[in-house]
Amino acid sequence: MPELPEQTALRARVDRELARFVGAETDALVAVNKSLAPLRGVLRAATGYGKRLRSAFCYWGRRDSRTATRWYAPRHA
């Protein structure tokens, strides 16, 4: 089944944001310790090249954590 233009655009946005996030996080790690520089390639490979399942897990995990926080939050009487 061909992908809808909206799906293509969403995938591109997810790829860009994931690459931006991974880049920022690896820059922060390397700033702490230069020996962590090889992790850049490893993290890019683990999150890049169309591996959208990981980004879906991130999205749904975050969404679920917000729902769980509201649901489990103690109620004030």
PDB file of N, CA and C in Angstrom:
ATOM      1  N   MET A   1       0.846  -1.168   0.000  1.00  0.00           N
ATOM      2  CA  MET A   1       0.000   0.000   0.000  1.00  0.00           C
ATOM      3  C   MET A   1       0.896   1.238   0.000  1.00  0.00           C
ATOM      4  N   PRO A   2       0.659   2.171  -0.902  1.00  0.00           N
ATOM      5  CA  PRO A   2       1.491   3.386  -0.936  1.00  0.00           C
ATOM      6  C   PRO A   2       1.253   4.252   0.300  1.00  0.00           C
ATOM      7  N   GLU A   3       2.308   4.919   0.677  1.00  0.00           N
ATOM      8  CA  GLU A   3       2.247   5.783   1.849  1.00  0.00           C
ATOM      9  C   GLU A   3       1.585   7.110   1.483  1.00  0.00           C
ATOM     10  N   LEU A   4       0.719   7.603   2.363  1.00  0.00           N
ATOM     11  CA  LEU A   4       0.073   8.898   2.154  1.00  0.00           C
ATOM     12  C   LEU A   4       1.085  10.024   2.343  1.00  0.00           C
ATOM     13  N   PRO A   5       0.887  11.161   1.667  1.00  0.00           N
ATOM     14  CA  PRO A   5       1.812  12.294   1.835  1.00  0.00           C
ATOM     15  C   PRO A   5       1.947  12.740   3.295  1.00  0.00           C
ATOM     16  N   GLU A   6       0.859  12.660   4.050  1.00  0.00           N
ATOM     17  CA  GLU A   6       0.915  13.049   5.461  1.00  0.00           C
ATOM     18  C   GLU A   6       1.831  12.117   6.247  1.00  0.00           C
ATOM     19  N   GLN A   7       1.782  10.827   5.899  1.00  0.00           N
ATOM     20  CA  GLN A   7       2.653   9.862   6.576  1.00  0.00           C
ATOM     21  C   GLN A   7       4.121  10.123   6.242  1.00  0.00           C
ATOM     22  N   THR A   8       4.379  10.421   4.991  1.00  0.00           N
ATOM     23  CA  THR A   8       5.742  10.720   4.570  1.00  0.00           C
ATOM     24  C   THR A   8       6.270  11.946   5.293  1.00  0.00           C
ATOM     25  N   ALA A   9       5.426  12.981   5.386  1.00  0.00           N
ATOM     26  CA  ALA A   9       5.834  14.207   6.073  1.00  0.00           C
ATOM     27  C   ALA A   9       6.078  13.941   7.557  1.00  0.00           C
ATOM     28  N   LEU A  10       5.220  13.151   8.187  1.00  0.00           N
ATOM     29  CA  LEU A  10       5.387  12.840   9.608  1.00  0.00           C
ATOM     30  C   LEU A  10       6.678  12.053   9.831  1.00  0.00           C
ATOM     31  N   ARG A  11       6.938  11.081   8.973  1.00  0.00           N
ATOM     32  CA  ARG A  11       8.175  10.300   9.107  1.00  0.00           C
ATOM     33  C   ARG A  11       9.406  11.204   8.983  1.00  0.00           C
ATOM     34  N   ALA A  12       9.361  12.126   8.047  1.00  0.00           N
ATOM     35  CA  ALA A  12      10.488  13.050   7.872  1.00  0.00           C
ATOM     36  C   ALA A  12      10.664  13.918   9.108  1.00  0.00           C
ATOM     37  N   ARG A  13       9.570  14.407   9.682  1.00  0.00           N
ATOM     38  CA  ARG A  13       9.652  15.222  10.899  1.00  0.00           C
ATOM     39  C   ARG A  13      10.200  14.411  12.059  1.00  0.00           C
ATOM     40  N   VAL A  14       9.753  13.175  12.198  1.00  0.00           N
ATOM     41  CA  VAL A  14      10.252  12.308  13.276  1.00  0.00           C
ATOM     42  C   VAL A  14      11.744  12.065  13.088  1.00  0.00           C
ATOM     43  N   ASP A  15      12.166  11.769  11.864  1.00  0.00           N
ATOM     44  CA  ASP A  15      13.594  11.537  11.595  1.00  0.00           C
ATOM     45  C   ASP A  15      14.434  12.761  11.951  1.00  0.00           C
ATOM     46  N   ARG A  16      13.967  13.948  11.544  1.00  0.00           N
ATOM     47  CA  ARG A  16      14.717  15.179  11.842  1.00  0.00           C
ATOM     48  C   ARG A  16      14.801  15.429  13.342  1.00  0.00           C
ATOM     49  N   GLU A  17      13.691  15.278  14.038  1.00  0.00           N
ATOM     50  CA  GLU A  17      13.683  15.537  15.482  1.00  0.00           C
ATOM     51  C   GLU A  17      14.530  14.509  16.229  1.00  0.00           C
ATOM     52  N   LEU A  18      14.435  13.268  15.829  1.00  0.00           N
ATOM     53  CA  LEU A  18      15.241  12.227  16.466  1.00  0.00           C
ATOM     54  C   LEU A  18      16.727  12.476  16.240  1.00  0.00           C
ATOM     55  N   ALA A  19      17.099  12.865  15.029  1.00  0.00           N
ATOM     56  CA  ALA A  19      18.502  13.169  14.732  1.00  0.00           C
ATOM     57  C   ALA A  19      18.974  14.376  15.537  1.00  0.00           C
ATOM     58  N   ARG A  20      18.117  15.393  15.665  1.00  0.00           N
ATOM     59  CA  ARG A  20      18.468  16.573  16.456  1.00  0.00           C
ATOM     60  C   ARG A  20      18.672  16.194  17.916  1.00  0.00           C
ATOM     61  N   PHE A  21      17.748  15.402  18.463  1.00  0.00           N
ATOM     62  CA  PHE A  21      17.827  14.991  19.859  1.00  0.00           C
ATOM     63  C   PHE A  21      19.073  14.150  20.124  1.00  0.00           C
ATOM     64  N   VAL A  22      19.309  13.158  19.280  1.00  0.00           N
ATOM     65  CA  VAL A  22      20.483  12.294  19.455  1.00  0.00           C
ATOM     66  C   VAL A  22      21.760  13.113  19.333  1.00  0.00           C
ATOM     67  N   GLY A  23      21.792  14.049  18.392  1.00  0.00           N
ATOM     68  CA  GLY A  23      22.963  14.911  18.245  1.00  0.00           C
ATOM     69  C   GLY A  23      23.228  15.748  19.482  1.00  0.00           C
ATOM     70  N   ALA A  24      22.173  16.327  20.037  1.00  0.00           N
ATOM     71  CA  ALA A  24      22.324  17.152  21.243  1.00  0.00           C
ATOM     72  C   ALA A  24      22.779  16.311  22.433  1.00  0.00           C
ATOM     73  N   GLU A  25      22.195  15.139  22.577  1.00  0.00           N
ATOM     74  CA  GLU A  25      22.559  14.282  23.707  1.00  0.00           C
ATOM     75  C   GLU A  25      23.994  13.765  23.587  1.00  0.00           C
ATOM     76  N   THR A  26      24.398  13.389  22.394  1.00  0.00           N
ATOM     77  CA  THR A  26      25.773  12.909  22.236  1.00  0.00           C
ATOM     78  C   THR A  26      26.773  14.042  22.396  1.00  0.00           C
ATOM     79  N   ASP A  27      26.415  15.245  21.968  1.00  0.00           N
ATOM     80  CA  ASP A  27      27.292  16.397  22.204  1.00  0.00           C
ATOM     81  C   ASP A  27      27.480  16.621  23.705  1.00  0.00           C
ATOM     82  N   ALA A  28      26.390  16.485  24.465  1.00  0.00           N
ATOM     83  CA  ALA A  28      26.474  16.662  25.919  1.00  0.00           C
ATOM     84  C   ALA A  28      27.352  15.577  26.546  1.00  0.00           C
ATOM     85  N   LEU A  29      27.214  14.342  26.073  1.00  0.00           N
ATOM     86  CA  LEU A  29      28.042  13.253  26.602  1.00  0.00           C
ATOM     87  C   LEU A  29      29.525  13.487  26.316  1.00  0.00           C
ATOM     88  N   VAL A  30      29.832  13.892  25.093  1.00  0.00           N
ATOM     89  CA  VAL A  30      31.230  14.129  24.707  1.00  0.00           C
ATOM     90  C   VAL A  30      31.797  15.318  25.476  1.00  0.00           C
ATOM     91  N   ALA A  31      30.963  16.296  25.793  1.00  0.00           N
ATOM     92  CA  ALA A  31      31.425  17.433  26.589  1.00  0.00           C
ATOM     93  C   ALA A  31      31.850  16.985  27.987  1.00  0.00           C
ATOM     94  N   VAL A  32      31.204  15.941  28.499  1.00  0.00           N
ATOM     95  CA  VAL A  32      31.551  15.412  29.823  1.00  0.00           C
ATOM     96  C   VAL A  32      32.847  14.611  29.748  1.00  0.00           C
ATOM     97  N   ASN A  33      32.948  13.788  28.691  1.00  0.00           N
ATOM     98  CA  ASN A  33      34.122  12.921  28.569  1.00  0.00           C
ATOM     99  C   ASN A  33      34.374  12.632  27.089  1.00  0.00           C
ATOM    100  N   LYS A  34      35.486  13.083  26.583  1.00  0.00           N
ATOM    101  CA  LYS A  34      35.828  12.937  25.165  1.00  0.00           C
ATOM    102  C   LYS A  34      35.891  11.475  24.715  1.00  0.00           C
ATOM    103  N   SER A  35      36.148  10.573  25.631  1.00  0.00           N
ATOM    104  CA  SER A  35      36.241   9.161  25.258  1.00  0.00           C
ATOM    105  C   SER A  35      34.883   8.568  24.874  1.00  0.00           C
ATOM    106  N   LEU A  36      33.802   9.318  25.112  1.00  0.00           N
ATOM    107  CA  LEU A  36      32.470   8.849  24.735  1.00  0.00           C
ATOM    108  C   LEU A  36      32.112   9.178  23.285  1.00  0.00           C
ATOM    109  N   ALA A  37      33.025   9.810  22.569  1.00  0.00           N
ATOM    110  CA  ALA A  37      32.774  10.206  21.178  1.00  0.00           C
ATOM    111  C   ALA A  37      32.339   9.041  20.276  1.00  0.00           C
ATOM    112  N   PRO A  38      32.867   7.838  20.431  1.00  0.00           N
ATOM    113  CA  PRO A  38      32.409   6.743  19.568  1.00  0.00           C
ATOM    114  C   PRO A  38      30.919   6.418  19.709  1.00  0.00           C
ATOM    115  N   LEU A  39      30.323   6.834  20.796  1.00  0.00           N
ATOM    116  CA  LEU A  39      28.894   6.585  20.970  1.00  0.00           C
ATOM    117  C   LEU A  39      28.045   7.331  19.947  1.00  0.00           C
ATOM    118  N   ARG A  40      28.579   8.415  19.402  1.00  0.00           N
ATOM    119  CA  ARG A  40      27.821   9.164  18.392  1.00  0.00           C
ATOM    120  C   ARG A  40      27.381   8.250  17.257  1.00  0.00           C
ATOM    121  N   GLY A  41      28.310   7.539  16.704  1.00  0.00           N
ATOM    122  CA  GLY A  41      27.987   6.639  15.591  1.00  0.00           C
ATOM    123  C   GLY A  41      27.045   5.525  15.991  1.00  0.00           C
ATOM    124  N   VAL A  42      27.255   4.983  17.167  1.00  0.00           N
ATOM    125  CA  VAL A  42      26.404   3.896  17.644  1.00  0.00           C
ATOM    126  C   VAL A  42      24.967   4.385  17.829  1.00  0.00           C
ATOM    127  N   LEU A  43      24.813   5.535  18.455  1.00  0.00           N
ATOM    128  CA  LEU A  43      23.466   6.058  18.682  1.00  0.00           C
ATOM    129  C   LEU A  43      22.790   6.473  17.390  1.00  0.00           C
ATOM    130  N   ARG A  44      23.547   7.040  16.467  1.00  0.00           N
ATOM    131  CA  ARG A  44      22.959   7.383  15.156  1.00  0.00           C
ATOM    132  C   ARG A  44      22.485   6.125  14.437  1.00  0.00           C
ATOM    133  N   ALA A  45      23.291   5.085  14.476  1.00  0.00           N
ATOM    134  CA  ALA A  45      22.909   3.833  13.814  1.00  0.00           C
ATOM    135  C   ALA A  45      21.688   3.194  14.477  1.00  0.00           C
ATOM    136  N   ALA A  46      21.599   3.307  15.787  1.00  0.00           N
ATOM    137  CA  ALA A  46      20.479   2.699  16.511  1.00  0.00           C
ATOM    138  C   ALA A  46      19.173   3.449  16.307  1.00  0.00           C
ATOM    139  N   THR A  47      19.253   4.722  15.978  1.00  0.00           N
ATOM    140  CA  THR A  47      18.037   5.522  15.847  1.00  0.00           C
ATOM    141  C   THR A  47      17.765   5.978  14.427  1.00  0.00           C
ATOM    142  N   GLY A  48      18.672   5.736  13.533  1.00  0.00           N
ATOM    143  CA  GLY A  48      18.517   6.236  12.171  1.00  0.00           C
ATOM    144  C   GLY A  48      18.096   5.176  11.178  1.00  0.00           C
ATOM    145  N   TYR A  49      18.188   5.562   9.939  1.00  0.00           N
ATOM    146  CA  TYR A  49      17.949   4.658   8.817  1.00  0.00           C
ATOM    147  C   TYR A  49      16.545   4.065   8.826  1.00  0.00           C
ATOM    148  N   GLY A  50      15.557   4.888   9.166  1.00  0.00           N
ATOM    149  CA  GLY A  50      14.170   4.456   9.063  1.00  0.00           C
ATOM    150  C   GLY A  50      13.679   3.564  10.182  1.00  0.00           C
ATOM    151  N   LYS A  51      14.412   3.473  11.258  1.00  0.00           N
ATOM    152  CA  LYS A  51      13.974   2.626  12.365  1.00  0.00           C
ATOM    153  C   LYS A  51      12.948   3.397  13.190  1.00  0.00           C
ATOM    154  N   ARG A  52      11.748   3.415  12.712  1.00  0.00           N
ATOM    155  CA  ARG A  52      10.697   4.210  13.346  1.00  0.00           C
ATOM    156  C   ARG A  52      10.045   3.506  14.527  1.00  0.00           C
ATOM    157  N   LEU A  53      10.307   2.240  14.682  1.00  0.00           N
ATOM    158  CA  LEU A  53       9.739   1.528  15.811  1.00  0.00           C
ATOM    159  C   LEU A  53      10.237   2.131  17.116  1.00  0.00           C
ATOM    160  N   ARG A  54      11.523   2.490  17.156  1.00  0.00           N
ATOM    161  CA  ARG A  54      12.060   3.099  18.368  1.00  0.00           C
ATOM    162  C   ARG A  54      11.382   4.434  18.672  1.00  0.00           C
ATOM    163  N   SER A  55      11.189   5.232  17.645  1.00  0.00           N
ATOM    164  CA  SER A  55      10.530   6.514  17.876  1.00  0.00           C
ATOM    165  C   SER A  55       9.084   6.310  18.293  1.00  0.00           C
ATOM    166  N   ALA A  56       8.437   5.289  17.763  1.00  0.00           N
ATOM    167  CA  ALA A  56       7.062   4.993  18.182  1.00  0.00           C
ATOM    168  C   ALA A  56       7.047   4.582  19.658  1.00  0.00           C
ATOM    169  N   PHE A  57       8.016   3.760  20.067  1.00  0.00           N
ATOM    170  CA  PHE A  57       8.093   3.388  21.481  1.00  0.00           C
ATOM    171  C   PHE A  57       8.287   4.626  22.358  1.00  0.00           C
ATOM    172  N   CYS A  58       9.154   5.537  21.923  1.00  0.00           N
ATOM    173  CA  CYS A  58       9.380   6.771  22.684  1.00  0.00           C
ATOM    174  C   CYS A  58       8.093   7.568  22.795  1.00  0.00           C
ATOM    175  N   TYR A  59       7.410   7.727  21.671  1.00  0.00           N
ATOM    176  CA  TYR A  59       6.180   8.516  21.669  1.00  0.00           C
ATOM    177  C   TYR A  59       5.127   7.894  22.584  1.00  0.00           C
ATOM    178  N   TRP A  60       4.847   6.601  22.392  1.00  0.00           N
ATOM    179  CA  TRP A  60       3.791   5.967  23.167  1.00  0.00           C
ATOM    180  C   TRP A  60       4.189   5.802  24.635  1.00  0.00           C
ATOM    181  N   GLY A  61       5.460   5.604  24.900  1.00  0.00           N
ATOM    182  CA  GLY A  61       5.905   5.542  26.297  1.00  0.00           C
ATOM    183  C   GLY A  61       5.703   6.863  27.003  1.00  0.00           C
ATOM    184  N   ARG A  62       6.045   7.942  26.319  1.00  0.00           N
ATOM    185  CA  ARG A  62       5.852   9.275  26.898  1.00  0.00           C
ATOM    186  C   ARG A  62       4.369   9.563  27.089  1.00  0.00           C
ATOM    187  N   ARG A  63       3.588   9.239  26.090  1.00  0.00           N
ATOM    188  CA  ARG A  63       2.142   9.476  26.183  1.00  0.00           C
ATOM    189  C   ARG A  63       1.553   8.665  27.330  1.00  0.00           C
ATOM    190  N   ASP A  64       1.964   7.402  27.440  1.00  0.00           N
ATOM    191  CA  ASP A  64       1.459   6.558  28.510  1.00  0.00           C
ATOM    192  C   ASP A  64       1.902   7.065  29.876  1.00  0.00           C
ATOM    193  N   SER A  65       3.128   7.570  29.973  1.00  0.00           N
ATOM    194  CA  SER A  65       3.603   8.048  31.272  1.00  0.00           C
ATOM    195  C   SER A  65       2.789   9.247  31.739  1.00  0.00           C
ATOM    196  N   ARG A  66       2.378  10.095  30.805  1.00  0.00           N
ATOM    197  CA  ARG A  66       1.536  11.232  31.191  1.00  0.00           C
ATOM    198  C   ARG A  66       0.164  10.750  31.648  1.00  0.00           C
ATOM    199  N   THR A  67      -0.389   9.776  30.947  1.00  0.00           N
ATOM    200  CA  THR A  67      -1.694   9.231  31.324  1.00  0.00           C
ATOM    201  C   THR A  67      -1.603   8.541  32.672  1.00  0.00           C
ATOM    202  N   ALA A  68      -0.555   7.740  32.865  1.00  0.00           N
ATOM    203  CA  ALA A  68      -0.389   7.019  34.128  1.00  0.00           C
ATOM    204  C   ALA A  68      -0.210   7.985  35.280  1.00  0.00           C
ATOM    205  N   THR A  69       0.514   9.063  35.057  1.00  0.00           N
ATOM    206  CA  THR A  69       0.725  10.039  36.127  1.00  0.00           C
ATOM    207  C   THR A  69      -0.606  10.642  36.564  1.00  0.00           C
ATOM    208  N   ARG A  70      -1.430  10.983  35.595  1.00  0.00           N
ATOM    209  CA  ARG A  70      -2.736  11.552  35.946  1.00  0.00           C
ATOM    210  C   ARG A  70      -3.606  10.515  36.632  1.00  0.00           C
ATOM    211  N   TRP A  71      -3.579   9.284  36.126  1.00  0.00           N
ATOM    212  CA  TRP A  71      -4.451   8.253  36.643  1.00  0.00           C
ATOM    213  C   TRP A  71      -4.046   7.835  38.051  1.00  0.00           C
ATOM    214  N   TYR A  72      -2.748   7.720  38.284  1.00  0.00           N
ATOM    215  CA  TYR A  72      -2.259   7.259  39.587  1.00  0.00           C
ATOM    216  C   TYR A  72      -2.064   8.383  40.600  1.00  0.00           C
ATOM    217  N   ALA A  73      -2.184   9.603  40.164  1.00  0.00           N
ATOM    218  CA  ALA A  73      -1.962  10.729  41.083  1.00  0.00           C
ATOM    219  C   ALA A  73      -2.999  10.675  42.212  1.00  0.00           C
ATOM    220  N   PRO A  74      -2.539  10.900  43.433  1.00  0.00           N
ATOM    221  CA  PRO A  74      -3.501  10.878  44.546  1.00  0.00           C
ATOM    222  C   PRO A  74      -4.526  11.994  44.391  1.00  0.00           C
ATOM    223  N   ARG A  75      -5.720  11.660  44.771  1.00  0.00           N
ATOM    224  CA  ARG A  75      -6.795  12.652  44.696  1.00  0.00           C
ATOM    225  C   ARG A  75      -6.935  13.329  46.044  1.00  0.00           C
ATOM    226  N   HIS A  76      -7.138  14.617  45.949  1.00  0.00           N
ATOM    227  CA  HIS A  76      -7.319  15.386  47.179  1.00  0.00           C
ATOM    228  C   HIS A  76      -8.792  15.378  47.548  1.00  0.00           C
ATOM    229  N   ALA A  77      -9.072  15.070  48.791  1.00  0.00           N
ATOM    230  CA  ALA A  77     -10.472  14.986  49.226  1.00  0.00           C
ATOM    231  C   ALA A  77     -11.017  16.350  49.554  1.00  0.00           C
TER     232      ALA A  77
END
